[in-house]
Amino acid sequence: MKPDTQQSAVRRLARIEGQVRGISKMVQEDKYCIDIVRQVQAVKAALSGLEQVILADHIDTCVDHALSASDLEDRQAKVDELVAVLGGRKK
């Protein structure tokens, strides 16, 4: 993972961690259910954004490296990984 991507991921994870703690507090304090659900949706969106950042970095580094190398098995493995992750197919 590129250093800037790693830093971005760590920042995003810290923010998500804070959001999850906030949700836990809301549940413990018996806050309004819809308010809790909205916060859960915000965490899901934040996780989706994190996933996109990490996948983009993976494609820019690992996949690009494999596709430009001569190892056909490695190329196929990277393509299979992406298809499994993006398509939901088990590897």
C-alpha atoms as a PDB file:
ATOM      1  CA  MET A   1       0.000   0.000   0.000  1.00  0.00           C
ATOM      2  CA  LYS A   2       1.309   3.414  -0.909  1.00  0.00           C
ATOM      3  CA  PRO A   3       2.188   5.589   2.120  1.00  0.00           C
ATOM      4  CA  ASP A   4      -0.390   8.280   1.287  1.00  0.00           C
ATOM      5  CA  THR A   5      -3.104   5.648   0.897  1.00  0.00           C
ATOM      6  CA  GLN A   6      -2.083   4.073   4.182  1.00  0.00           C
ATOM      7  CA  GLN A   7      -2.281   7.432   5.969  1.00  0.00           C
ATOM      8  CA  SER A   8      -5.663   8.142   4.423  1.00  0.00           C
ATOM      9  CA  ALA A   9      -6.939   4.697   5.430  1.00  0.00           C
ATOM     10  CA  VAL A  10      -5.734   5.132   9.013  1.00  0.00           C
ATOM     11  CA  ARG A  11      -7.462   8.548   9.248  1.00  0.00           C
ATOM     12  CA  ARG A  12     -10.675   7.140   7.811  1.00  0.00           C
ATOM     13  CA  LEU A  13     -10.562   4.194  10.198  1.00  0.00           C
ATOM     14  CA  ALA A  14     -10.086   6.494  13.177  1.00  0.00           C
ATOM     15  CA  ARG A  15     -13.125   8.500  12.081  1.00  0.00           C
ATOM     16  CA  ILE A  16     -15.161   5.316  11.575  1.00  0.00           C
ATOM     17  CA  GLU A  17     -14.068   4.053  14.986  1.00  0.00           C
ATOM     18  CA  GLY A  18     -15.353   7.279  16.531  1.00  0.00           C
ATOM     19  CA  GLN A  19     -18.628   6.943  14.676  1.00  0.00           C
ATOM     20  CA  VAL A  20     -19.083   3.371  15.904  1.00  0.00           C
ATOM     21  CA  ARG A  21     -18.357   4.422  19.481  1.00  0.00           C
ATOM     22  CA  GLY A  22     -20.944   7.167  19.064  1.00  0.00           C
ATOM     23  CA  ILE A  23     -23.492   4.626  17.874  1.00  0.00           C
ATOM     24  CA  SER A  24     -22.742   2.419  20.854  1.00  0.00           C
ATOM     25  CA  LYS A  25     -23.320   5.361  23.170  1.00  0.00           C
ATOM     26  CA  MET A  26     -26.577   6.174  21.384  1.00  0.00           C
ATOM     27  CA  VAL A  27     -27.780   2.595  21.867  1.00  0.00           C
ATOM     28  CA  GLN A  28     -26.783   2.605  25.544  1.00  0.00           C
ATOM     29  CA  GLU A  29     -28.609   5.904  26.047  1.00  0.00           C
ATOM     30  CA  ASP A  30     -31.691   4.530  24.255  1.00  0.00           C
ATOM     31  CA  LYS A  31     -31.694   7.245  21.599  1.00  0.00           C
ATOM     32  CA  TYR A  32     -34.324   7.392  18.883  1.00  0.00           C
ATOM     33  CA  CYS A  33     -34.002   4.341  16.598  1.00  0.00           C
ATOM     34  CA  ILE A  34     -34.074   6.283  13.341  1.00  0.00           C
ATOM     35  CA  ASP A  35     -31.224   8.500  14.553  1.00  0.00           C
ATOM     36  CA  ILE A  36     -29.200   5.356  15.291  1.00  0.00           C
ATOM     37  CA  VAL A  37     -30.032   3.883  11.892  1.00  0.00           C
ATOM     38  CA  ARG A  38     -28.884   7.079  10.196  1.00  0.00           C
ATOM     39  CA  GLN A  39     -25.564   6.849  11.996  1.00  0.00           C
ATOM     40  CA  VAL A  40     -25.223   3.190  11.001  1.00  0.00           C
ATOM     41  CA  GLN A  41     -25.841   4.230   7.383  1.00  0.00           C
ATOM     42  CA  ALA A  42     -23.132   6.891   7.719  1.00  0.00           C
ATOM     43  CA  VAL A  43     -20.666   4.251   8.952  1.00  0.00           C
ATOM     44  CA  LYS A  44     -21.575   1.961   6.063  1.00  0.00           C
ATOM     45  CA  ALA A  45     -20.947   4.809   3.623  1.00  0.00           C
ATOM     46  CA  ALA A  46     -17.615   5.584   5.295  1.00  0.00           C
ATOM     47  CA  LEU A  47     -16.586   1.916   5.075  1.00  0.00           C
ATOM     48  CA  SER A  48     -17.573   1.869   1.411  1.00  0.00           C
ATOM     49  CA  GLY A  49     -15.367   4.915   0.809  1.00  0.00           C
ATOM     50  CA  LEU A  50     -12.482   3.231   2.605  1.00  0.00           C
ATOM     51  CA  GLU A  51     -12.982   0.118   0.516  1.00  0.00           C
ATOM     52  CA  GLN A  52     -12.804   2.185  -2.680  1.00  0.00           C
ATOM     53  CA  VAL A  53      -9.579   3.880  -1.595  1.00  0.00           C
ATOM     54  CA  ILE A  54      -7.939   0.553  -0.733  1.00  0.00           C
ATOM     55  CA  LEU A  55      -9.130  -1.141  -3.934  1.00  0.00           C
ATOM     56  CA  ALA A  56      -7.887   1.744  -6.057  1.00  0.00           C
ATOM     57  CA  ASP A  57      -4.486   1.525  -4.383  1.00  0.00           C
ATOM     58  CA  HIS A  58      -4.417  -2.248  -4.889  1.00  0.00           C
ATOM     59  CA  ILE A  59      -5.160  -1.831  -8.586  1.00  0.00           C
ATOM     60  CA  ASP A  60      -2.529   0.912  -8.929  1.00  0.00           C
ATOM     61  CA  THR A  61       0.141  -1.142  -7.196  1.00  0.00           C
ATOM     62  CA  CYS A  62      -0.315  -4.914  -6.910  1.00  0.00           C
ATOM     63  CA  VAL A  63      -2.506  -5.482  -9.947  1.00  0.00           C
ATOM     64  CA  ASP A  64      -0.542  -3.111 -12.169  1.00  0.00           C
ATOM     65  CA  HIS A  65       2.700  -4.808 -11.130  1.00  0.00           C
ATOM     66  CA  ALA A  66       1.291  -8.265 -11.829  1.00  0.00           C
ATOM     67  CA  LEU A  67      -0.110  -7.272 -15.212  1.00  0.00           C
ATOM     68  CA  SER A  68       3.178  -5.775 -16.342  1.00  0.00           C
ATOM     69  CA  ALA A  69       5.213  -8.764 -15.126  1.00  0.00           C
ATOM     70  CA  SER A  70       5.821 -11.938 -17.086  1.00  0.00           C
ATOM     71  CA  ASP A  71       4.349 -14.306 -14.460  1.00  0.00           C
ATOM     72  CA  LEU A  72       1.088 -15.444 -16.041  1.00  0.00           C
ATOM     73  CA  GLU A  73      -0.054 -17.266 -12.906  1.00  0.00           C
ATOM     74  CA  ASP A  74       0.343 -14.108 -10.826  1.00  0.00           C
ATOM     75  CA  ARG A  75      -1.579 -12.116 -13.432  1.00  0.00           C
ATOM     76  CA  GLN A  76      -4.424 -14.601 -13.379  1.00  0.00           C
ATOM     77  CA  ALA A  77      -4.427 -14.700  -9.580  1.00  0.00           C
ATOM     78  CA  LYS A  78      -4.771 -10.896  -9.364  1.00  0.00           C
ATOM     79  CA  VAL A  79      -7.576 -10.867 -11.917  1.00  0.00           C
ATOM     80  CA  ASP A  80      -9.358 -13.689 -10.075  1.00  0.00           C
ATOM     81  CA  GLU A  81      -9.025 -11.802  -6.780  1.00  0.00           C
ATOM     82  CA  LEU A  82     -10.560  -8.675  -8.275  1.00  0.00           C
ATOM     83  CA  VAL A  83     -13.418 -10.567  -9.873  1.00  0.00           C
ATOM     84  CA  ALA A  84     -14.117 -12.337  -6.575  1.00  0.00           C
ATOM     85  CA  VAL A  85     -14.045  -9.127  -4.552  1.00  0.00           C
ATOM     86  CA  LEU A  86     -15.970  -6.972  -6.994  1.00  0.00           C
ATOM     87  CA  GLY A  87     -18.377  -9.631  -8.169  1.00  0.00           C
ATOM     88  CA  GLY A  88     -18.900 -11.358  -4.883  1.00  0.00           C
ATOM     89  CA  ARG A  89     -17.790 -14.703  -6.249  1.00  0.00           C
ATOM     90  CA  LYS A  90     -15.878 -16.879  -3.814  1.00  0.00           C
ATOM     91  CA  LYS A  91     -12.273 -17.460  -4.762  1.00  0.00           C
END
